[in-house]
């Protein structure tokens, strides 16, 4: 995949959310820009923001009522629209997409974790990066419920994910003790995946994952 730049637009009250999104995007090799307080207080901050927007192909506004009241945040939306950038709007307080991006549905962190919303947006805009983000999520210690939400996101794409990534997803599911024992993963999502993509999954990986979800215990090769 080619290198990609993203611009995270936010109001100062949501700086912690912006940093969390940036950190995750950096982990999957998307260069993410946030205009921190130091930059905004500098003499050239307007030019720096404009330059970063011009270099970016992905625009992520963290919407809120305060965001809507910010003249500069709305200008950033206008610039992104004019450049025909892909948009992944995330709401921090239930505020809906408006203005130039009103046609792009925003989802709120009150409904789902911000990183899951980001993954969902990437799947809809830059699919390969979306799958890369999903794999990164599956590598981390997560809850059963979180695992189920991740698989719920990718279930519609089981037939679209490439062979290499399918195997990575299966391997992460084997190794992560919060994935394969999760009720909906074991009973619904993973069996569907194994059935649909059996011919594309490494045989050893297939056997191990199938054993673990059916027996609800770690696979032992003995």
N, C-alpha and C. Protein backbone atom coordinates (compact mmCIF):
# COMPACT_ATOMS: atom_id res chain seq x y z
N UNK A 1 0.84 -1.19 0.00
CA UNK A 1 0.00 0.00 0.00
C UNK A 1 0.88 1.24 0.00
N UNK A 2 0.43 2.26 -0.74
CA UNK A 2 1.18 3.51 -0.78
C UNK A 2 0.99 4.26 0.54
N UNK A 3 1.97 5.10 0.87
CA UNK A 3 1.87 5.90 2.08
C UNK A 3 0.70 6.87 1.96
N UNK A 4 0.01 7.08 3.08
CA UNK A 4 -1.14 7.96 3.07
C UNK A 4 -1.06 8.94 4.23
N UNK A 5 -1.54 10.15 4.00
CA UNK A 5 -1.61 11.17 5.04
C UNK A 5 -3.06 11.43 5.41
N UNK A 6 -3.27 11.65 6.70
CA UNK A 6 -4.61 11.96 7.20
C UNK A 6 -4.57 13.24 8.00
N UNK A 7 -5.66 13.97 7.96
CA UNK A 7 -5.79 15.21 8.73
C UNK A 7 -6.91 15.03 9.74
N UNK A 8 -6.60 15.19 11.01
CA UNK A 8 -7.60 15.07 12.07
C UNK A 8 -8.02 16.47 12.49
N UNK A 9 -9.28 16.79 12.27
CA UNK A 9 -9.81 18.10 12.61
C UNK A 9 -10.60 17.98 13.92
N UNK A 10 -10.34 18.88 14.86
CA UNK A 10 -10.97 18.74 16.17
C UNK A 10 -11.01 20.09 16.88
N UNK A 11 -11.84 20.17 17.88
CA UNK A 11 -11.89 21.34 18.76
C UNK A 11 -11.05 21.01 19.99
N UNK A 12 -10.43 21.99 20.58
CA UNK A 12 -9.45 21.77 21.65
C UNK A 12 -9.94 20.85 22.77
N UNK A 13 -11.21 20.89 23.08
CA UNK A 13 -11.74 20.06 24.16
C UNK A 13 -11.59 18.57 23.86
N UNK A 14 -11.42 18.22 22.59
CA UNK A 14 -11.33 16.81 22.18
C UNK A 14 -9.90 16.40 21.82
N UNK A 15 -8.92 17.11 22.34
CA UNK A 15 -7.53 16.81 22.02
C UNK A 15 -7.14 15.38 22.39
N UNK A 16 -7.66 14.86 23.50
CA UNK A 16 -7.30 13.50 23.90
C UNK A 16 -7.83 12.46 22.92
N UNK A 17 -9.04 12.69 22.40
CA UNK A 17 -9.57 11.80 21.37
C UNK A 17 -8.71 11.90 20.10
N UNK A 18 -8.33 13.11 19.75
CA UNK A 18 -7.51 13.32 18.55
C UNK A 18 -6.17 12.59 18.67
N UNK A 19 -5.57 12.66 19.84
CA UNK A 19 -4.29 11.99 20.06
C UNK A 19 -4.44 10.47 19.98
N UNK A 20 -5.55 9.96 20.49
CA UNK A 20 -5.79 8.51 20.43
C UNK A 20 -5.94 8.04 19.00
N UNK A 21 -6.67 8.80 18.21
CA UNK A 21 -6.85 8.47 16.79
C UNK A 21 -5.51 8.55 16.05
N UNK A 22 -4.75 9.61 16.31
CA UNK A 22 -3.44 9.77 15.65
C UNK A 22 -2.52 8.61 15.98
N UNK A 23 -2.44 8.23 17.25
CA UNK A 23 -1.57 7.14 17.67
C UNK A 23 -1.92 5.84 16.95
N UNK A 24 -3.21 5.57 16.83
CA UNK A 24 -3.64 4.35 16.16
C UNK A 24 -3.33 4.40 14.67
N UNK A 25 -3.59 5.53 14.04
CA UNK A 25 -3.29 5.66 12.61
C UNK A 25 -1.80 5.53 12.34
N UNK A 26 -1.00 6.12 13.20
CA UNK A 26 0.46 5.99 13.06
C UNK A 26 0.89 4.53 13.13
N UNK A 27 0.20 3.74 13.97
CA UNK A 27 0.53 2.32 14.11
C UNK A 27 0.27 1.53 12.83
N UNK A 28 -0.68 1.99 12.03
CA UNK A 28 -0.97 1.27 10.78
C UNK A 28 -0.41 2.01 9.57
N UNK A 29 0.59 2.85 9.84
CA UNK A 29 1.37 3.52 8.80
C UNK A 29 0.57 4.55 8.00
N UNK A 30 -0.37 5.20 8.67
CA UNK A 30 -1.03 6.37 8.09
C UNK A 30 -0.50 7.59 8.83
N UNK A 31 0.13 8.49 8.12
CA UNK A 31 0.71 9.68 8.73
C UNK A 31 -0.41 10.65 9.11
N UNK A 32 -0.67 10.77 10.40
CA UNK A 32 -1.80 11.58 10.86
C UNK A 32 -1.33 12.90 11.43
N UNK A 33 -2.01 13.98 11.05
CA UNK A 33 -1.67 15.32 11.50
C UNK A 33 -2.74 15.85 12.44
N UNK A 34 -2.33 16.36 13.60
CA UNK A 34 -3.24 17.11 14.46
C UNK A 34 -2.57 18.44 14.79
N UNK A 35 -3.37 19.49 14.75
CA UNK A 35 -2.84 20.82 15.07
C UNK A 35 -2.90 21.00 16.58
N UNK A 36 -1.80 20.71 17.24
CA UNK A 36 -1.79 20.80 18.71
C UNK A 36 -1.72 22.25 19.17
N UNK A 37 -1.79 22.42 20.46
CA UNK A 37 -1.84 23.78 21.01
C UNK A 37 -0.61 24.60 20.63
N UNK A 38 0.56 23.97 20.61
CA UNK A 38 1.78 24.69 20.27
C UNK A 38 1.72 25.25 18.86
N UNK A 39 1.22 24.42 17.94
CA UNK A 39 1.13 24.86 16.55
C UNK A 39 0.11 25.98 16.40
N UNK A 40 -1.04 25.81 17.05
CA UNK A 40 -2.09 26.82 16.92
C UNK A 40 -1.65 28.18 17.47
N UNK A 41 -0.73 28.16 18.43
CA UNK A 41 -0.26 29.41 19.01
C UNK A 41 0.93 30.00 18.25
N UNK A 42 1.46 29.26 17.28
CA UNK A 42 2.62 29.72 16.52
C UNK A 42 2.22 30.72 15.45
N UNK A 43 3.22 31.41 14.91
CA UNK A 43 2.95 32.46 13.94
C UNK A 43 2.52 31.91 12.58
N UNK A 44 2.95 30.67 12.26
CA UNK A 44 2.68 30.12 10.93
C UNK A 44 1.65 28.99 10.97
N UNK A 45 0.82 28.94 12.00
CA UNK A 45 -0.05 27.78 12.15
C UNK A 45 -1.07 27.65 11.02
N UNK A 46 -1.55 28.77 10.50
CA UNK A 46 -2.53 28.69 9.41
C UNK A 46 -1.91 28.05 8.16
N UNK A 47 -0.70 28.46 7.84
CA UNK A 47 -0.03 27.90 6.67
C UNK A 47 0.30 26.43 6.89
N UNK A 48 0.70 26.07 8.12
CA UNK A 48 1.02 24.67 8.42
C UNK A 48 -0.22 23.80 8.27
N UNK A 49 -1.36 24.26 8.75
CA UNK A 49 -2.60 23.51 8.62
C UNK A 49 -3.01 23.39 7.16
N UNK A 50 -2.91 24.48 6.43
CA UNK A 50 -3.26 24.46 5.01
C UNK A 50 -2.37 23.48 4.24
N UNK A 51 -1.08 23.51 4.53
CA UNK A 51 -0.15 22.62 3.85
C UNK A 51 -0.46 21.15 4.18
N UNK A 52 -0.76 20.89 5.45
CA UNK A 52 -1.08 19.52 5.84
C UNK A 52 -2.36 19.03 5.18
N UNK A 53 -3.36 19.88 5.10
CA UNK A 53 -4.60 19.51 4.41
C UNK A 53 -4.33 19.18 2.94
N UNK A 54 -3.50 19.97 2.31
CA UNK A 54 -3.20 19.75 0.89
C UNK A 54 -2.45 18.45 0.64
N UNK A 55 -1.71 17.97 1.65
CA UNK A 55 -0.96 16.73 1.52
C UNK A 55 -1.79 15.50 1.86
N UNK A 56 -2.96 15.70 2.45
CA UNK A 56 -3.75 14.59 2.98
C UNK A 56 -4.81 14.11 1.99
N UNK A 57 -5.12 12.83 2.08
CA UNK A 57 -6.19 12.26 1.27
C UNK A 57 -7.35 11.75 2.13
N UNK A 58 -7.15 11.76 3.46
CA UNK A 58 -8.19 11.32 4.40
C UNK A 58 -8.42 12.42 5.42
N UNK A 59 -9.69 12.78 5.62
CA UNK A 59 -10.07 13.84 6.55
C UNK A 59 -10.95 13.26 7.65
N UNK A 60 -10.53 13.44 8.91
CA UNK A 60 -11.26 12.87 10.04
C UNK A 60 -11.67 13.99 10.99
N UNK A 61 -12.90 14.48 10.86
CA UNK A 61 -13.37 15.51 11.79
C UNK A 61 -13.98 14.87 13.04
N UNK A 62 -13.56 15.34 14.21
CA UNK A 62 -14.15 14.88 15.46
C UNK A 62 -15.24 15.88 15.84
N UNK A 63 -16.45 15.56 15.41
CA UNK A 63 -17.56 16.50 15.51
C UNK A 63 -18.07 16.67 16.94
N UNK A 64 -18.49 17.89 17.25
CA UNK A 64 -19.10 18.21 18.53
C UNK A 64 -19.80 19.55 18.37
N UNK A 65 -20.58 19.93 19.36
CA UNK A 65 -21.22 21.24 19.30
C UNK A 65 -20.17 22.35 19.29
N UNK A 66 -19.10 22.17 20.06
CA UNK A 66 -18.03 23.16 20.07
C UNK A 66 -17.32 23.21 18.72
N UNK A 67 -17.19 22.05 18.07
CA UNK A 67 -16.59 21.98 16.74
C UNK A 67 -17.40 22.84 15.77
N UNK A 68 -18.74 22.71 15.82
CA UNK A 68 -19.61 23.45 14.90
C UNK A 68 -19.49 24.96 15.11
N UNK A 69 -19.22 25.36 16.35
CA UNK A 69 -19.12 26.79 16.67
C UNK A 69 -17.75 27.37 16.32
N UNK A 70 -16.81 26.50 15.97
CA UNK A 70 -15.46 26.95 15.63
C UNK A 70 -15.40 27.33 14.15
N UNK A 71 -15.10 28.58 13.86
CA UNK A 71 -15.00 29.01 12.47
C UNK A 71 -13.92 28.24 11.72
N UNK A 72 -12.78 28.00 12.39
CA UNK A 72 -11.68 27.35 11.70
C UNK A 72 -11.97 25.89 11.39
N UNK A 73 -12.63 25.18 12.32
CA UNK A 73 -12.97 23.78 12.06
C UNK A 73 -13.87 23.66 10.85
N UNK A 74 -14.85 24.56 10.75
CA UNK A 74 -15.76 24.53 9.60
C UNK A 74 -15.02 24.88 8.32
N UNK A 75 -14.02 25.76 8.41
CA UNK A 75 -13.21 26.07 7.22
C UNK A 75 -12.40 24.85 6.79
N UNK A 76 -11.92 24.09 7.76
CA UNK A 76 -11.18 22.86 7.42
C UNK A 76 -12.08 21.88 6.68
N UNK A 77 -13.34 21.79 7.09
CA UNK A 77 -14.29 20.95 6.38
C UNK A 77 -14.44 21.43 4.94
N UNK A 78 -14.57 22.74 4.77
CA UNK A 78 -14.72 23.30 3.43
C UNK A 78 -13.52 23.00 2.54
N UNK A 79 -12.32 23.12 3.10
CA UNK A 79 -11.10 22.82 2.34
C UNK A 79 -11.07 21.35 1.94
N UNK A 80 -11.39 20.48 2.90
CA UNK A 80 -11.40 19.04 2.63
C UNK A 80 -12.41 18.69 1.54
N UNK A 81 -13.57 19.32 1.60
CA UNK A 81 -14.60 19.09 0.58
C UNK A 81 -14.11 19.55 -0.79
N UNK A 82 -13.50 20.73 -0.82
CA UNK A 82 -13.01 21.26 -2.08
C UNK A 82 -11.93 20.40 -2.71
N UNK A 83 -11.20 19.69 -1.86
CA UNK A 83 -10.13 18.81 -2.35
C UNK A 83 -10.63 17.39 -2.61
N UNK A 84 -11.93 17.17 -2.41
CA UNK A 84 -12.54 15.85 -2.64
C UNK A 84 -11.88 14.75 -1.82
N UNK A 85 -11.54 15.07 -0.56
CA UNK A 85 -10.90 14.10 0.33
C UNK A 85 -11.92 13.10 0.85
N UNK A 86 -11.47 11.87 1.10
CA UNK A 86 -12.32 10.89 1.77
C UNK A 86 -12.54 11.36 3.20
N UNK A 87 -13.78 11.22 3.69
CA UNK A 87 -14.13 11.77 5.00
C UNK A 87 -14.63 10.66 5.92
N UNK A 88 -14.08 10.62 7.13
CA UNK A 88 -14.54 9.69 8.17
C UNK A 88 -14.92 10.54 9.39
N UNK A 89 -16.18 10.99 9.46
CA UNK A 89 -16.59 11.82 10.59
C UNK A 89 -16.93 10.98 11.81
N UNK A 90 -16.44 11.41 12.97
CA UNK A 90 -16.73 10.74 14.24
C UNK A 90 -17.24 11.80 15.21
N UNK A 91 -18.37 11.51 15.84
CA UNK A 91 -18.96 12.47 16.76
C UNK A 91 -18.59 12.13 18.20
N UNK A 92 -18.18 13.15 18.95
CA UNK A 92 -17.82 12.92 20.35
C UNK A 92 -18.98 13.20 21.31
N UNK A 93 -20.05 13.81 20.79
CA UNK A 93 -21.18 14.12 21.68
C UNK A 93 -22.55 13.94 21.03
N UNK A 94 -22.58 13.24 19.89
CA UNK A 94 -23.85 13.01 19.20
C UNK A 94 -24.12 14.00 18.09
N UNK A 95 -23.26 14.99 17.91
CA UNK A 95 -23.43 15.97 16.83
C UNK A 95 -23.34 15.28 15.47
N UNK A 96 -24.28 15.59 14.60
CA UNK A 96 -24.31 14.96 13.28
C UNK A 96 -23.48 15.74 12.26
N UNK A 97 -23.14 15.04 11.19
CA UNK A 97 -22.42 15.70 10.09
C UNK A 97 -23.26 16.87 9.56
N UNK A 98 -22.61 17.92 9.14
CA UNK A 98 -23.32 19.11 8.69
C UNK A 98 -22.55 19.77 7.54
N UNK A 99 -23.21 20.72 6.92
CA UNK A 99 -22.57 21.48 5.86
C UNK A 99 -22.12 20.63 4.69
N UNK A 100 -20.88 20.83 4.26
CA UNK A 100 -20.37 20.13 3.09
C UNK A 100 -20.31 18.61 3.27
N UNK A 101 -20.27 18.13 4.49
CA UNK A 101 -20.17 16.67 4.72
C UNK A 101 -21.46 16.09 5.29
N UNK A 102 -22.57 16.80 5.12
CA UNK A 102 -23.84 16.33 5.67
C UNK A 102 -24.31 15.02 5.03
N UNK A 103 -23.77 14.72 3.84
CA UNK A 103 -24.16 13.48 3.16
C UNK A 103 -23.39 12.27 3.69
N UNK A 104 -22.38 12.50 4.54
CA UNK A 104 -21.59 11.40 5.09
C UNK A 104 -22.05 11.15 6.53
N UNK A 105 -22.58 9.97 6.78
CA UNK A 105 -23.12 9.67 8.10
C UNK A 105 -22.02 9.66 9.16
N UNK A 106 -22.26 10.35 10.25
CA UNK A 106 -21.33 10.30 11.37
C UNK A 106 -21.89 9.39 12.45
N UNK A 107 -21.00 8.72 13.16
CA UNK A 107 -21.42 7.86 14.27
C UNK A 107 -20.75 8.36 15.54
N UNK A 108 -21.43 8.13 16.64
CA UNK A 108 -20.99 8.72 17.90
C UNK A 108 -20.25 7.74 18.78
N UNK A 109 -19.27 8.24 19.52
CA UNK A 109 -18.54 7.40 20.47
C UNK A 109 -19.43 6.97 21.63
N UNK A 110 -20.63 7.54 21.71
CA UNK A 110 -21.59 7.08 22.71
C UNK A 110 -22.21 5.75 22.30
N UNK A 111 -22.08 5.42 21.02
CA UNK A 111 -22.61 4.16 20.50
C UNK A 111 -21.53 3.08 20.41
N UNK A 112 -20.32 3.48 20.10
CA UNK A 112 -19.24 2.50 19.86
C UNK A 112 -17.90 3.15 20.14
N UNK A 113 -16.92 2.34 20.53
CA UNK A 113 -15.56 2.83 20.80
C UNK A 113 -15.02 3.60 19.62
N UNK A 114 -14.27 4.66 19.90
CA UNK A 114 -13.78 5.54 18.84
C UNK A 114 -12.90 4.82 17.83
N UNK A 115 -12.09 3.85 18.27
CA UNK A 115 -11.23 3.13 17.33
C UNK A 115 -12.04 2.18 16.46
N UNK A 116 -13.12 1.62 16.99
CA UNK A 116 -14.00 0.80 16.16
C UNK A 116 -14.69 1.66 15.10
N UNK A 117 -15.10 2.86 15.48
CA UNK A 117 -15.69 3.77 14.51
C UNK A 117 -14.68 4.14 13.43
N UNK A 118 -13.44 4.33 13.84
CA UNK A 118 -12.39 4.65 12.88
C UNK A 118 -12.18 3.49 11.91
N UNK A 119 -12.13 2.26 12.43
CA UNK A 119 -11.99 1.08 11.58
C UNK A 119 -13.15 0.98 10.58
N UNK A 120 -14.36 1.22 11.08
CA UNK A 120 -15.53 1.17 10.20
C UNK A 120 -15.42 2.20 9.09
N UNK A 121 -14.98 3.39 9.44
CA UNK A 121 -14.81 4.42 8.42
C UNK A 121 -13.75 4.07 7.41
N UNK A 122 -12.66 3.50 7.86
CA UNK A 122 -11.59 3.10 6.95
C UNK A 122 -12.04 1.98 6.01
N UNK A 123 -12.82 1.04 6.53
CA UNK A 123 -13.34 -0.03 5.68
C UNK A 123 -14.19 0.53 4.54
N UNK A 124 -14.86 1.63 4.80
CA UNK A 124 -15.73 2.24 3.80
C UNK A 124 -15.00 3.18 2.85
N UNK A 125 -13.77 3.56 3.20
CA UNK A 125 -13.05 4.53 2.38
C UNK A 125 -11.76 3.97 1.78
N UNK A 126 -10.93 3.41 2.65
CA UNK A 126 -9.66 2.80 2.21
C UNK A 126 -9.62 1.39 2.78
N UNK A 127 -10.20 0.46 2.04
CA UNK A 127 -10.47 -0.88 2.56
C UNK A 127 -9.22 -1.59 3.08
N UNK A 128 -8.13 -1.53 2.32
CA UNK A 128 -6.92 -2.24 2.73
C UNK A 128 -6.40 -1.72 4.08
N UNK A 129 -6.47 -0.41 4.26
CA UNK A 129 -6.08 0.16 5.55
C UNK A 129 -7.08 -0.23 6.65
N UNK A 130 -8.33 -0.35 6.27
CA UNK A 130 -9.34 -0.77 7.23
C UNK A 130 -9.07 -2.17 7.76
N UNK A 131 -8.69 -3.08 6.88
CA UNK A 131 -8.36 -4.44 7.30
C UNK A 131 -7.08 -4.45 8.12
N UNK A 132 -6.12 -3.64 7.72
CA UNK A 132 -4.88 -3.52 8.49
C UNK A 132 -5.19 -3.04 9.91
N UNK A 133 -6.13 -2.10 10.02
CA UNK A 133 -6.54 -1.59 11.33
C UNK A 133 -7.22 -2.68 12.15
N UNK A 134 -8.05 -3.48 11.50
CA UNK A 134 -8.74 -4.59 12.18
C UNK A 134 -7.73 -5.58 12.74
N UNK A 135 -6.74 -5.93 11.94
CA UNK A 135 -5.71 -6.87 12.39
C UNK A 135 -4.97 -6.30 13.59
N UNK A 136 -4.66 -5.02 13.55
CA UNK A 136 -3.99 -4.37 14.68
C UNK A 136 -4.86 -4.45 15.95
N UNK A 137 -6.15 -4.29 15.79
CA UNK A 137 -7.06 -4.38 16.94
C UNK A 137 -7.08 -5.79 17.52
N UNK A 138 -7.05 -6.79 16.64
CA UNK A 138 -7.11 -8.19 17.09
C UNK A 138 -5.83 -8.64 17.77
N UNK A 139 -4.75 -7.92 17.54
CA UNK A 139 -3.47 -8.28 18.17
C UNK A 139 -3.43 -7.91 19.65
N UNK A 140 -4.29 -6.98 20.06
CA UNK A 140 -4.23 -6.45 21.42
C UNK A 140 -5.15 -7.21 22.37
N UNK A 141 -4.84 -7.20 23.67
CA UNK A 141 -5.75 -7.77 24.66
C UNK A 141 -7.06 -6.98 24.69
N UNK A 142 -8.16 -7.64 24.41
CA UNK A 142 -9.46 -6.98 24.35
C UNK A 142 -10.50 -7.85 25.03
N UNK A 143 -11.67 -7.32 25.23
CA UNK A 143 -12.73 -8.09 25.87
C UNK A 143 -13.45 -8.98 24.86
N UNK A 144 -14.22 -9.93 25.37
CA UNK A 144 -15.03 -10.78 24.49
C UNK A 144 -15.99 -9.92 23.66
N UNK A 145 -16.64 -8.98 24.33
CA UNK A 145 -17.61 -8.12 23.64
C UNK A 145 -16.93 -7.30 22.54
N UNK A 146 -15.74 -6.79 22.83
CA UNK A 146 -14.99 -6.01 21.86
C UNK A 146 -14.63 -6.87 20.65
N UNK A 147 -14.23 -8.12 20.92
CA UNK A 147 -13.91 -9.05 19.83
C UNK A 147 -15.13 -9.28 18.95
N UNK A 148 -16.27 -9.43 19.56
CA UNK A 148 -17.51 -9.64 18.79
C UNK A 148 -17.83 -8.43 17.93
N UNK A 149 -17.60 -7.23 18.46
CA UNK A 149 -17.85 -6.02 17.68
C UNK A 149 -16.91 -5.93 16.48
N UNK A 150 -15.66 -6.32 16.68
CA UNK A 150 -14.70 -6.30 15.57
C UNK A 150 -15.15 -7.25 14.46
N UNK A 151 -15.54 -8.46 14.84
CA UNK A 151 -15.97 -9.42 13.82
C UNK A 151 -17.29 -9.03 13.17
N UNK A 152 -18.14 -8.35 13.93
CA UNK A 152 -19.38 -7.84 13.34
C UNK A 152 -19.07 -6.85 12.23
N UNK A 153 -18.02 -6.05 12.43
CA UNK A 153 -17.61 -5.08 11.41
C UNK A 153 -17.14 -5.75 10.12
N UNK A 154 -16.36 -6.81 10.25
CA UNK A 154 -15.74 -7.40 9.05
C UNK A 154 -16.57 -8.53 8.43
N UNK A 155 -17.61 -8.99 9.11
CA UNK A 155 -18.42 -10.10 8.56
C UNK A 155 -18.90 -9.83 7.13
N UNK A 156 -19.38 -8.62 6.80
CA UNK A 156 -19.84 -8.38 5.42
C UNK A 156 -18.72 -8.46 4.38
N UNK A 157 -17.47 -8.46 4.84
CA UNK A 157 -16.33 -8.43 3.92
C UNK A 157 -15.57 -9.75 3.88
N UNK A 158 -16.09 -10.78 4.49
CA UNK A 158 -15.38 -12.06 4.55
C UNK A 158 -14.93 -12.54 3.17
N UNK A 159 -15.74 -12.29 2.16
CA UNK A 159 -15.41 -12.78 0.81
C UNK A 159 -14.52 -11.80 0.04
N UNK A 160 -14.25 -10.64 0.61
CA UNK A 160 -13.49 -9.61 -0.08
C UNK A 160 -12.06 -9.49 0.42
N UNK A 161 -11.81 -9.92 1.64
CA UNK A 161 -10.49 -9.78 2.25
C UNK A 161 -9.49 -10.69 1.53
N UNK A 162 -8.31 -10.18 1.27
CA UNK A 162 -7.34 -11.00 0.52
C UNK A 162 -6.81 -12.16 1.37
N UNK A 163 -6.20 -13.11 0.69
CA UNK A 163 -5.75 -14.35 1.33
C UNK A 163 -4.77 -14.11 2.47
N UNK A 164 -3.81 -13.22 2.25
CA UNK A 164 -2.81 -12.93 3.29
C UNK A 164 -3.47 -12.39 4.55
N UNK A 165 -4.39 -11.45 4.38
CA UNK A 165 -5.04 -10.83 5.53
C UNK A 165 -5.99 -11.79 6.23
N UNK A 166 -6.64 -12.66 5.45
CA UNK A 166 -7.51 -13.67 6.07
C UNK A 166 -6.69 -14.55 7.02
N UNK A 167 -5.51 -14.94 6.58
CA UNK A 167 -4.66 -15.78 7.43
C UNK A 167 -4.17 -15.02 8.66
N UNK A 168 -3.89 -13.73 8.50
CA UNK A 168 -3.48 -12.92 9.65
C UNK A 168 -4.62 -12.80 10.66
N UNK A 169 -5.83 -12.61 10.18
CA UNK A 169 -6.99 -12.52 11.06
C UNK A 169 -7.18 -13.82 11.82
N UNK A 170 -7.03 -14.94 11.13
CA UNK A 170 -7.19 -16.24 11.77
C UNK A 170 -6.09 -16.48 12.82
N UNK A 171 -4.86 -16.12 12.49
CA UNK A 171 -3.76 -16.31 13.43
C UNK A 171 -3.94 -15.45 14.68
N UNK A 172 -4.37 -14.21 14.49
CA UNK A 172 -4.64 -13.34 15.64
C UNK A 172 -5.75 -13.92 16.50
N UNK A 173 -6.75 -14.49 15.85
CA UNK A 173 -7.88 -15.07 16.57
C UNK A 173 -7.46 -16.29 17.39
N UNK A 174 -6.50 -17.04 16.89
CA UNK A 174 -5.97 -18.20 17.62
C UNK A 174 -5.18 -17.75 18.84
N UNK A 175 -4.33 -16.74 18.65
CA UNK A 175 -3.39 -16.33 19.68
C UNK A 175 -4.00 -15.45 20.77
N UNK A 176 -5.08 -14.77 20.45
CA UNK A 176 -5.69 -13.85 21.40
C UNK A 176 -6.80 -14.56 22.18
N UNK A 177 -6.58 -14.74 23.47
CA UNK A 177 -7.53 -15.45 24.32
C UNK A 177 -8.82 -14.71 24.60
N UNK A 178 -8.97 -13.51 24.02
CA UNK A 178 -10.23 -12.79 24.14
C UNK A 178 -11.05 -12.85 22.85
N UNK A 179 -10.53 -13.58 21.86
CA UNK A 179 -11.22 -13.65 20.57
C UNK A 179 -11.94 -14.98 20.38
N UNK A 180 -11.17 -16.07 20.28
CA UNK A 180 -11.81 -17.34 19.95
C UNK A 180 -12.82 -17.84 20.99
N UNK A 181 -12.68 -17.51 22.30
CA UNK A 181 -13.71 -17.97 23.23
C UNK A 181 -14.97 -17.09 23.25
N UNK A 182 -14.91 -15.91 22.63
CA UNK A 182 -16.07 -15.01 22.65
C UNK A 182 -17.27 -15.71 22.02
N UNK A 183 -18.39 -15.61 22.66
CA UNK A 183 -19.58 -16.40 22.30
C UNK A 183 -19.95 -16.26 20.83
N UNK A 184 -20.15 -15.03 20.35
CA UNK A 184 -20.58 -14.82 18.97
C UNK A 184 -19.46 -15.12 17.97
N UNK A 185 -18.22 -14.93 18.39
CA UNK A 185 -17.10 -15.28 17.51
C UNK A 185 -17.05 -16.79 17.31
N UNK A 186 -17.19 -17.54 18.41
CA UNK A 186 -17.08 -19.00 18.35
C UNK A 186 -18.29 -19.64 17.69
N UNK A 187 -19.47 -19.09 17.91
CA UNK A 187 -20.69 -19.72 17.40
C UNK A 187 -21.13 -19.22 16.03
N UNK A 188 -20.75 -18.01 15.68
CA UNK A 188 -21.26 -17.42 14.44
C UNK A 188 -20.16 -16.95 13.49
N UNK A 189 -19.40 -15.93 13.90
CA UNK A 189 -18.51 -15.25 12.97
C UNK A 189 -17.36 -16.12 12.47
N UNK A 190 -16.64 -16.75 13.39
CA UNK A 190 -15.49 -17.55 12.96
C UNK A 190 -15.92 -18.78 12.16
N UNK A 191 -16.98 -19.53 12.56
CA UNK A 191 -17.42 -20.63 11.70
C UNK A 191 -17.79 -20.16 10.29
N UNK A 192 -18.44 -19.02 10.17
CA UNK A 192 -18.77 -18.48 8.85
C UNK A 192 -17.50 -18.21 8.04
N UNK A 193 -16.53 -17.60 8.71
CA UNK A 193 -15.27 -17.29 8.04
C UNK A 193 -14.55 -18.56 7.59
N UNK A 194 -14.47 -19.54 8.46
CA UNK A 194 -13.79 -20.80 8.13
C UNK A 194 -14.51 -21.51 6.99
N UNK A 195 -15.81 -21.49 6.99
CA UNK A 195 -16.59 -22.17 5.95
C UNK A 195 -16.43 -21.47 4.60
N UNK A 196 -16.45 -20.14 4.62
CA UNK A 196 -16.40 -19.37 3.39
C UNK A 196 -15.01 -19.35 2.76
N UNK A 197 -13.96 -19.33 3.60
CA UNK A 197 -12.62 -19.15 3.08
C UNK A 197 -11.69 -20.33 3.38
N UNK A 198 -12.23 -21.50 3.59
CA UNK A 198 -11.42 -22.67 3.95
C UNK A 198 -10.26 -22.89 2.99
N UNK A 199 -10.50 -22.74 1.71
CA UNK A 199 -9.46 -23.02 0.72
C UNK A 199 -8.33 -21.98 0.73
N UNK A 200 -8.58 -20.85 1.34
CA UNK A 200 -7.57 -19.79 1.37
C UNK A 200 -6.79 -19.74 2.67
N UNK A 201 -7.21 -20.53 3.65
CA UNK A 201 -6.57 -20.50 4.97
C UNK A 201 -5.54 -21.62 5.08
N UNK A 202 -4.36 -21.27 5.57
CA UNK A 202 -3.33 -22.27 5.82
C UNK A 202 -3.92 -23.44 6.61
N UNK A 203 -3.60 -24.66 6.21
CA UNK A 203 -4.27 -25.83 6.79
C UNK A 203 -4.05 -25.93 8.30
N UNK A 204 -2.82 -25.71 8.75
CA UNK A 204 -2.54 -25.78 10.18
C UNK A 204 -3.32 -24.71 10.94
N UNK A 205 -3.36 -23.52 10.38
CA UNK A 205 -4.11 -22.42 11.00
C UNK A 205 -5.59 -22.78 11.08
N UNK A 206 -6.11 -23.31 9.99
CA UNK A 206 -7.53 -23.70 9.94
C UNK A 206 -7.85 -24.73 11.02
N UNK A 207 -7.01 -25.75 11.14
CA UNK A 207 -7.25 -26.83 12.11
C UNK A 207 -7.20 -26.29 13.53
N UNK A 208 -6.21 -25.45 13.81
CA UNK A 208 -6.08 -24.91 15.17
C UNK A 208 -7.27 -24.04 15.56
N UNK A 209 -7.67 -23.15 14.67
CA UNK A 209 -8.77 -22.24 14.99
C UNK A 209 -10.09 -23.00 15.12
N UNK A 210 -10.30 -23.95 14.23
CA UNK A 210 -11.53 -24.75 14.29
C UNK A 210 -11.58 -25.55 15.59
N UNK A 211 -10.47 -26.11 15.99
CA UNK A 211 -10.40 -26.89 17.23
C UNK A 211 -10.75 -26.00 18.43
N UNK A 212 -10.16 -24.80 18.46
CA UNK A 212 -10.34 -23.94 19.63
C UNK A 212 -11.78 -23.44 19.79
N UNK A 213 -12.43 -23.10 18.68
CA UNK A 213 -13.81 -22.62 18.82
C UNK A 213 -14.78 -23.76 19.11
N UNK A 214 -14.45 -24.96 18.63
CA UNK A 214 -15.36 -26.09 18.85
C UNK A 214 -15.19 -26.70 20.23
N UNK A 215 -13.97 -26.69 20.75
CA UNK A 215 -13.69 -27.31 22.04
C UNK A 215 -13.54 -26.31 23.17
N UNK A 216 -13.49 -25.03 22.81
CA UNK A 216 -13.36 -23.95 23.80
C UNK A 216 -12.17 -24.17 24.74
N UNK A 217 -11.06 -24.55 24.11
CA UNK A 217 -9.81 -24.69 24.84
C UNK A 217 -8.67 -24.48 23.86
N UNK A 218 -7.48 -24.18 24.38
CA UNK A 218 -6.32 -23.96 23.52
C UNK A 218 -5.95 -25.25 22.79
N UNK A 219 -5.52 -25.08 21.55
CA UNK A 219 -5.10 -26.24 20.75
C UNK A 219 -3.75 -26.76 21.25
N UNK A 220 -3.66 -28.07 21.33
CA UNK A 220 -2.39 -28.73 21.71
C UNK A 220 -2.00 -29.70 20.60
N UNK A 221 -0.77 -29.55 20.14
CA UNK A 221 -0.27 -30.44 19.10
C UNK A 221 0.50 -31.57 19.75
N UNK A 222 -0.26 -32.53 20.34
CA UNK A 222 0.41 -33.66 20.98
C UNK A 222 -0.43 -34.93 20.84
